[in-house]
Amino acid sequence: MLITAIAAVALAPAVSAADSFPDHPIQLYVPFGAGGSFDLTARALAKAAEKELGSPVVVVNKPGAGGAIALGEVARAQPDGYTIGVFTAANAVIAPQIQKVTYDPLKDFSLISNYATSTLFVAVRADSPYQTLDDMLADMKARPGDVMVGVSTIGSSTHLSTARMMLERGLQTEYVTFGGGAQVLTALMGGHIPVASVAGEALPYVTSGKIRFLASFSRAPIPGLPDVPWIGESGFKWEADAFVGLAAPKELAEPRRALLEKAFLHAAEDPDYLRVVQDMAMLPNALDGKTLQEILGQSYQQTGTLVKAVGLAQQK
């Protein structure tokens, strides 16, 4: 009886702490700088999640190394549910296959949920002579290596999606890197590059008439962009959209993970959040942590094949 009583007293604080979670702010690490599509959607999601959790969710921007810096900090954090991070193709699939990172994306995380699908586009200036993706591809074929394409960085989703098109058609191009999507758009609008592969943050420049999207890498219709064709209309049989979810350190207790999953799944239905997703030309896509884990495995294998094909796979 004495042993039982001692055990009950010892366990009481732990049970109480679990019941009160969260009782102070949660940090949400965003692996890219402020103002981009990942940052703005994460902030909208965090605000919506605060209503569900009853505790602040503080966004912390940790850009660098293709998103690997932020995810590395999440992997090393205390597994108490108070440190989580944006988990997407950039830092969970691409970065680990082209550079050394401090984590194993398949083993070192407890996945919470998916909340969106990122989309990519082939963009040109509004006054570009290219009216269609086929126009651009035909010019690349006629002038090998002369048509430059702006991308954020080599090994980014924007680069790999374009590289796959080039491989399949046997085309050559010169990639010009700018370090971020905003800089790519500035260069495109300034006439420094004729073509760019960009993410959804380019949408305001489309609606203002400064640039045009020749094609989307996503088969799904993009709200607000009914006239932008999918690359499949030019004969490509694949997509380059990607999951965008949340991860915590791998030892996070299941009750806390489940609580976070429920809160963020509900947050992903919030009207204000959904409005930001549409403004960023992304797609809402609320999925539980188990489903995200399955998608991760499939994406990791498929991207690995592409990374090797373009010669970016790191030497083991």
Foldseek 3Di string as FASTA:
>chain_A
DVVVVVVVVVCVVVVVPLVCPPPEEAEEEEAADPDALSNLLVVLLQVLLCVLRVYHYHYDYHYDQQSQVLVLVQLPDDQALRYKYKDKCRHLAQSVFQHPGDDHSLAWWQFQKFWWKWKKFKKAWLPAPDPAPVSVVVVQVVPAAPAEEEEADPRHLLNLVVVVVCVVVVGHYHYDHDNDQVRRVVCRLVVVHGIYMHILSCVVCVVVRGMDTNAMLDPDDFPPCNPHHHCVVVPDDHHSMMIIGMIGTPPRDPVSSNSSNVSSLVSSPDPSSVVSCSSSSIGTDIGGSVVVSVVSVVSNVVVSVSCVVVPRGDDD
